[in-house]
């Protein structure tokens, strides 16, 4: 069983809440480019900014067993 990636999770949450990428960037206080980078699966991201986005949905980054 494969874990859901951050990019898929964020896309799913954004769509559940009916937000465009632009709206998500404005509401979370990060740039549109950053939202697009997450959703495209960029491997190097600032954790504080990722948490800033996830916080809108009641989540934060944490360790997972691989």
PDB file of N, CA and C in Angstrom:
ATOM      1  N   UNK A   1       0.842  -1.190   0.000  1.00  0.00           N
ATOM      2  CA  UNK A   1       0.000   0.000   0.000  1.00  0.00           C
ATOM      3  C   UNK A   1       0.885   1.251   0.000  1.00  0.00           C
ATOM      4  N   UNK A   2       0.671   2.116  -0.943  1.00  0.00           N
ATOM      5  CA  UNK A   2       1.486   3.318  -1.104  1.00  0.00           C
ATOM      6  C   UNK A   2       0.866   4.489  -0.347  1.00  0.00           C
ATOM      7  N   UNK A   3       1.705   5.211   0.364  1.00  0.00           N
ATOM      8  CA  UNK A   3       1.242   6.395   1.090  1.00  0.00           C
ATOM      9  C   UNK A   3       0.907   7.507   0.101  1.00  0.00           C
ATOM     10  N   UNK A   4      -0.064   8.315   0.467  1.00  0.00           N
ATOM     11  CA  UNK A   4      -0.434   9.459  -0.362  1.00  0.00           C
ATOM     12  C   UNK A   4       0.683  10.493  -0.303  1.00  0.00           C
ATOM     13  N   UNK A   5       1.074  11.012  -1.444  1.00  0.00           N
ATOM     14  CA  UNK A   5       2.136  12.018  -1.475  1.00  0.00           C
ATOM     15  C   UNK A   5       1.586  13.372  -1.036  1.00  0.00           C
ATOM     16  N   UNK A   6       2.495  14.234  -0.643  1.00  0.00           N
ATOM     17  CA  UNK A   6       2.115  15.586  -0.245  1.00  0.00           C
ATOM     18  C   UNK A   6       1.405  16.302  -1.385  1.00  0.00           C
ATOM     19  N   UNK A   7       1.911  16.141  -2.594  1.00  0.00           N
ATOM     20  CA  UNK A   7       1.301  16.845  -3.729  1.00  0.00           C
ATOM     21  C   UNK A   7      -0.134  16.375  -3.963  1.00  0.00           C
ATOM     22  N   UNK A   8      -0.376  15.068  -3.897  1.00  0.00           N
ATOM     23  CA  UNK A   8      -1.739  14.558  -4.095  1.00  0.00           C
ATOM     24  C   UNK A   8      -2.656  14.974  -2.951  1.00  0.00           C
ATOM     25  N   UNK A   9      -2.137  14.941  -1.729  1.00  0.00           N
ATOM     26  CA  UNK A   9      -2.926  15.340  -0.574  1.00  0.00           C
ATOM     27  C   UNK A   9      -3.355  16.797  -0.699  1.00  0.00           C
ATOM     28  N   UNK A  10      -2.420  17.660  -1.048  1.00  0.00           N
ATOM     29  CA  UNK A  10      -2.741  19.081  -1.144  1.00  0.00           C
ATOM     30  C   UNK A  10      -3.757  19.348  -2.259  1.00  0.00           C
ATOM     31  N   UNK A  11      -3.571  18.716  -3.416  1.00  0.00           N
ATOM     32  CA  UNK A  11      -4.524  18.896  -4.511  1.00  0.00           C
ATOM     33  C   UNK A  11      -5.921  18.467  -4.083  1.00  0.00           C
ATOM     34  N   UNK A  12      -5.999  17.309  -3.414  1.00  0.00           N
ATOM     35  CA  UNK A  12      -7.289  16.782  -2.972  1.00  0.00           C
ATOM     36  C   UNK A  12      -7.955  17.737  -1.975  1.00  0.00           C
ATOM     37  N   UNK A  13      -7.205  18.207  -0.996  1.00  0.00           N
ATOM     38  CA  UNK A  13      -7.760  19.127  -0.002  1.00  0.00           C
ATOM     39  C   UNK A  13      -8.206  20.434  -0.647  1.00  0.00           C
ATOM     40  N   UNK A  14      -7.391  20.935  -1.549  1.00  0.00           N
ATOM     41  CA  UNK A  14      -7.732  22.193  -2.221  1.00  0.00           C
ATOM     42  C   UNK A  14      -9.047  22.053  -2.983  1.00  0.00           C
ATOM     43  N   UNK A  15      -9.214  20.917  -3.658  1.00  0.00           N
ATOM     44  CA  UNK A  15     -10.447  20.699  -4.429  1.00  0.00           C
ATOM     45  C   UNK A  15     -11.650  20.480  -3.516  1.00  0.00           C
ATOM     46  N   UNK A  16     -11.456  19.782  -2.402  1.00  0.00           N
ATOM     47  CA  UNK A  16     -12.542  19.582  -1.433  1.00  0.00           C
ATOM     48  C   UNK A  16     -13.065  20.926  -0.941  1.00  0.00           C
ATOM     49  N   UNK A  17     -12.150  21.853  -0.706  1.00  0.00           N
ATOM     50  CA  UNK A  17     -12.528  23.180  -0.211  1.00  0.00           C
ATOM     51  C   UNK A  17     -12.887  24.146  -1.336  1.00  0.00           C
ATOM     52  N   UNK A  18     -12.809  23.683  -2.574  1.00  0.00           N
ATOM     53  CA  UNK A  18     -13.201  24.506  -3.713  1.00  0.00           C
ATOM     54  C   UNK A  18     -12.303  25.693  -3.968  1.00  0.00           C
ATOM     55  N   UNK A  19     -11.004  25.527  -3.707  1.00  0.00           N
ATOM     56  CA  UNK A  19     -10.051  26.623  -3.881  1.00  0.00           C
ATOM     57  C   UNK A  19      -9.229  26.438  -5.150  1.00  0.00           C
ATOM     58  N   UNK A  20      -8.960  27.532  -5.820  1.00  0.00           N
ATOM     59  CA  UNK A  20      -7.999  27.499  -6.920  1.00  0.00           C
ATOM     60  C   UNK A  20      -6.596  27.598  -6.306  1.00  0.00           C
ATOM     61  N   UNK A  21      -5.588  27.369  -7.104  1.00  0.00           N
ATOM     62  CA  UNK A  21      -4.218  27.524  -6.606  1.00  0.00           C
ATOM     63  C   UNK A  21      -3.982  28.962  -6.155  1.00  0.00           C
ATOM     64  N   UNK A  22      -4.521  29.903  -6.900  1.00  0.00           N
ATOM     65  CA  UNK A  22      -4.358  31.315  -6.558  1.00  0.00           C
ATOM     66  C   UNK A  22      -5.005  31.638  -5.215  1.00  0.00           C
ATOM     67  N   UNK A  23      -6.224  31.125  -5.002  1.00  0.00           N
ATOM     68  CA  UNK A  23      -6.920  31.368  -3.738  1.00  0.00           C
ATOM     69  C   UNK A  23      -6.171  30.737  -2.565  1.00  0.00           C
ATOM     70  N   UNK A  24      -5.655  29.535  -2.781  1.00  0.00           N
ATOM     71  CA  UNK A  24      -4.897  28.869  -1.725  1.00  0.00           C
ATOM     72  C   UNK A  24      -3.656  29.660  -1.365  1.00  0.00           C
ATOM     73  N   UNK A  25      -2.967  30.174  -2.362  1.00  0.00           N
ATOM     74  CA  UNK A  25      -1.758  30.948  -2.082  1.00  0.00           C
ATOM     75  C   UNK A  25      -2.089  32.220  -1.301  1.00  0.00           C
ATOM     76  N   UNK A  26      -3.166  32.886  -1.659  1.00  0.00           N
ATOM     77  CA  UNK A  26      -3.567  34.098  -0.940  1.00  0.00           C
ATOM     78  C   UNK A  26      -3.983  33.800   0.497  1.00  0.00           C
ATOM     79  N   UNK A  27      -4.786  32.762   0.686  1.00  0.00           N
ATOM     80  CA  UNK A  27      -5.275  32.424   2.026  1.00  0.00           C
ATOM     81  C   UNK A  27      -4.170  31.929   2.947  1.00  0.00           C
ATOM     82  N   UNK A  28      -3.172  31.260   2.375  1.00  0.00           N
ATOM     83  CA  UNK A  28      -2.100  30.698   3.208  1.00  0.00           C
ATOM     84  C   UNK A  28      -0.928  31.659   3.372  1.00  0.00           C
ATOM     85  N   UNK A  29      -0.856  32.685   2.541  1.00  0.00           N
ATOM     86  CA  UNK A  29       0.220  33.663   2.656  1.00  0.00           C
ATOM     87  C   UNK A  29       1.526  33.238   2.007  1.00  0.00           C
ATOM     88  N   UNK A  30       1.435  32.314   1.064  1.00  0.00           N
ATOM     89  CA  UNK A  30       2.626  31.916   0.302  1.00  0.00           C
ATOM     90  C   UNK A  30       2.401  32.289  -1.155  1.00  0.00           C
ATOM     91  N   UNK A  31       3.456  32.261  -1.929  1.00  0.00           N
ATOM     92  CA  UNK A  31       3.338  32.622  -3.334  1.00  0.00           C
ATOM     93  C   UNK A  31       2.685  31.531  -4.169  1.00  0.00           C
ATOM     94  N   UNK A  32       2.085  31.940  -5.259  1.00  0.00           N
ATOM     95  CA  UNK A  32       1.461  31.004  -6.187  1.00  0.00           C
ATOM     96  C   UNK A  32       2.476  29.990  -6.686  1.00  0.00           C
ATOM     97  N   UNK A  33       3.677  30.431  -6.964  1.00  0.00           N
ATOM     98  CA  UNK A  33       4.732  29.530  -7.429  1.00  0.00           C
ATOM     99  C   UNK A  33       4.990  28.409  -6.418  1.00  0.00           C
ATOM    100  N   UNK A  34       4.962  28.746  -5.133  1.00  0.00           N
ATOM    101  CA  UNK A  34       5.195  27.748  -4.095  1.00  0.00           C
ATOM    102  C   UNK A  34       4.091  26.690  -4.090  1.00  0.00           C
ATOM    103  N   UNK A  35       2.835  27.123  -4.209  1.00  0.00           N
ATOM    104  CA  UNK A  35       1.716  26.176  -4.269  1.00  0.00           C
ATOM    105  C   UNK A  35       1.884  25.260  -5.473  1.00  0.00           C
ATOM    106  N   UNK A  36       2.242  25.833  -6.599  1.00  0.00           N
ATOM    107  CA  UNK A  36       2.447  25.015  -7.804  1.00  0.00           C
ATOM    108  C   UNK A  36       3.606  24.046  -7.631  1.00  0.00           C
ATOM    109  N   UNK A  37       4.678  24.486  -6.986  1.00  0.00           N
ATOM    110  CA  UNK A  37       5.818  23.603  -6.729  1.00  0.00           C
ATOM    111  C   UNK A  37       5.407  22.399  -5.879  1.00  0.00           C
ATOM    112  N   UNK A  38       4.614  22.634  -4.837  1.00  0.00           N
ATOM    113  CA  UNK A  38       4.147  21.520  -4.002  1.00  0.00           C
ATOM    114  C   UNK A  38       3.324  20.554  -4.842  1.00  0.00           C
ATOM    115  N   UNK A  39       2.365  21.077  -5.576  1.00  0.00           N
ATOM    116  CA  UNK A  39       1.458  20.226  -6.339  1.00  0.00           C
ATOM    117  C   UNK A  39       2.156  19.498  -7.485  1.00  0.00           C
ATOM    118  N   UNK A  40       3.283  20.012  -7.934  1.00  0.00           N
ATOM    119  CA  UNK A  40       4.036  19.338  -8.992  1.00  0.00           C
ATOM    120  C   UNK A  40       5.049  18.355  -8.415  1.00  0.00           C
ATOM    121  N   UNK A  41       5.091  18.238  -7.090  1.00  0.00           N
ATOM    122  CA  UNK A  41       5.954  17.248  -6.461  1.00  0.00           C
ATOM    123  C   UNK A  41       7.405  17.648  -6.321  1.00  0.00           C
ATOM    124  N   UNK A  42       7.678  18.947  -6.265  1.00  0.00           N
ATOM    125  CA  UNK A  42       9.056  19.388  -6.088  1.00  0.00           C
ATOM    126  C   UNK A  42       9.623  18.752  -4.820  1.00  0.00           C
ATOM    127  N   UNK A  43      10.841  18.251  -4.897  1.00  0.00           N
ATOM    128  CA  UNK A  43      11.422  17.490  -3.796  1.00  0.00           C
ATOM    129  C   UNK A  43      12.042  18.348  -2.709  1.00  0.00           C
ATOM    130  N   UNK A  44      12.420  19.567  -3.008  1.00  0.00           N
ATOM    131  CA  UNK A  44      13.020  20.437  -2.000  1.00  0.00           C
ATOM    132  C   UNK A  44      12.103  21.629  -1.755  1.00  0.00           C
ATOM    133  N   UNK A  45      11.518  21.650  -0.573  1.00  0.00           N
ATOM    134  CA  UNK A  45      10.584  22.709  -0.195  1.00  0.00           C
ATOM    135  C   UNK A  45      10.890  23.168   1.227  1.00  0.00           C
ATOM    136  N   UNK A  46      10.588  24.395   1.528  1.00  0.00           N
ATOM    137  CA  UNK A  46      10.759  24.891   2.902  1.00  0.00           C
ATOM    138  C   UNK A  46       9.645  24.338   3.782  1.00  0.00           C
ATOM    139  N   UNK A  47      10.051  23.656   4.841  1.00  0.00           N
ATOM    140  CA  UNK A  47       9.080  23.023   5.723  1.00  0.00           C
ATOM    141  C   UNK A  47       8.147  24.032   6.381  1.00  0.00           C
ATOM    142  N   UNK A  48       8.666  25.192   6.746  1.00  0.00           N
ATOM    143  CA  UNK A  48       7.811  26.186   7.398  1.00  0.00           C
ATOM    144  C   UNK A  48       6.706  26.665   6.466  1.00  0.00           C
ATOM    145  N   UNK A  49       7.034  26.819   5.184  1.00  0.00           N
ATOM    146  CA  UNK A  49       6.028  27.252   4.220  1.00  0.00           C
ATOM    147  C   UNK A  49       5.026  26.141   3.926  1.00  0.00           C
ATOM    148  N   UNK A  50       5.499  24.897   3.869  1.00  0.00           N
ATOM    149  CA  UNK A  50       4.586  23.768   3.663  1.00  0.00           C
ATOM    150  C   UNK A  50       3.592  23.717   4.826  1.00  0.00           C
ATOM    151  N   UNK A  51       4.093  23.867   6.044  1.00  0.00           N
ATOM    152  CA  UNK A  51       3.203  23.864   7.210  1.00  0.00           C
ATOM    153  C   UNK A  51       2.234  25.032   7.179  1.00  0.00           C
ATOM    154  N   UNK A  52       2.658  26.152   6.664  1.00  0.00           N
ATOM    155  CA  UNK A  52       1.791  27.325   6.533  1.00  0.00           C
ATOM    156  C   UNK A  52       0.590  26.992   5.646  1.00  0.00           C
ATOM    157  N   UNK A  53       0.835  26.255   4.559  1.00  0.00           N
ATOM    158  CA  UNK A  53      -0.240  25.854   3.650  1.00  0.00           C
ATOM    159  C   UNK A  53      -1.106  24.777   4.295  1.00  0.00           C
ATOM    160  N   UNK A  54      -0.486  23.750   4.857  1.00  0.00           N
ATOM    161  CA  UNK A  54      -1.228  22.638   5.459  1.00  0.00           C
ATOM    162  C   UNK A  54      -2.094  23.084   6.630  1.00  0.00           C
ATOM    163  N   UNK A  55      -1.663  24.120   7.327  1.00  0.00           N
ATOM    164  CA  UNK A  55      -2.388  24.619   8.490  1.00  0.00           C
ATOM    165  C   UNK A  55      -3.819  25.025   8.134  1.00  0.00           C
ATOM    166  N   UNK A  56      -4.037  25.497   6.929  1.00  0.00           N
ATOM    167  CA  UNK A  56      -5.390  25.865   6.494  1.00  0.00           C
ATOM    168  C   UNK A  56      -6.352  24.693   6.565  1.00  0.00           C
ATOM    169  N   UNK A  57      -5.831  23.482   6.408  1.00  0.00           N
ATOM    170  CA  UNK A  57      -6.658  22.281   6.401  1.00  0.00           C
ATOM    171  C   UNK A  57      -6.568  21.505   7.716  1.00  0.00           C
ATOM    172  N   UNK A  58      -5.875  22.083   8.702  1.00  0.00           N
ATOM    173  CA  UNK A  58      -5.759  21.433   9.996  1.00  0.00           C
ATOM    174  C   UNK A  58      -4.694  20.355  10.072  1.00  0.00           C
ATOM    175  N   UNK A  59      -3.645  20.468   9.263  1.00  0.00           N
ATOM    176  CA  UNK A  59      -2.560  19.487   9.224  1.00  0.00           C
ATOM    177  C   UNK A  59      -1.209  20.162   9.382  1.00  0.00           C
ATOM    178  N   UNK A  60      -0.194  19.347   9.661  1.00  0.00           N
ATOM    179  CA  UNK A  60       1.191  19.804   9.660  1.00  0.00           C
ATOM    180  C   UNK A  60       2.074  18.627   9.270  1.00  0.00           C
ATOM    181  N   UNK A  61       3.301  18.928   8.851  1.00  0.00           N
ATOM    182  CA  UNK A  61       4.247  17.880   8.487  1.00  0.00           C
ATOM    183  C   UNK A  61       4.651  17.085   9.714  1.00  0.00           C
ATOM    184  N   UNK A  62       4.937  15.836   9.504  1.00  0.00           N
ATOM    185  CA  UNK A  62       5.410  14.995  10.601  1.00  0.00           C
ATOM    186  C   UNK A  62       6.112  13.775  10.036  1.00  0.00           C
ATOM    187  N   UNK A  63       6.860  13.072  10.880  1.00  0.00           N
ATOM    188  CA  UNK A  63       7.571  11.882  10.414  1.00  0.00           C
ATOM    189  C   UNK A  63       6.607  10.724  10.167  1.00  0.00           C
ATOM    190  N   UNK A  64       6.924   9.969   9.136  1.00  0.00           N
ATOM    191  CA  UNK A  64       6.158   8.752   8.848  1.00  0.00           C
ATOM    192  C   UNK A  64       7.128   7.600   8.661  1.00  0.00           C
ATOM    193  N   UNK A  65       6.710   6.425   9.035  1.00  0.00           N
ATOM    194  CA  UNK A  65       7.544   5.240   8.880  1.00  0.00           C
ATOM    195  C   UNK A  65       7.583   4.847   7.411  1.00  0.00           C
ATOM    196  N   UNK A  66       8.786   4.523   6.925  1.00  0.00           N
ATOM    197  CA  UNK A  66       8.910   4.111   5.521  1.00  0.00           C
ATOM    198  C   UNK A  66       9.091   2.607   5.416  1.00  0.00           C
TER     199      UNK A  66
END
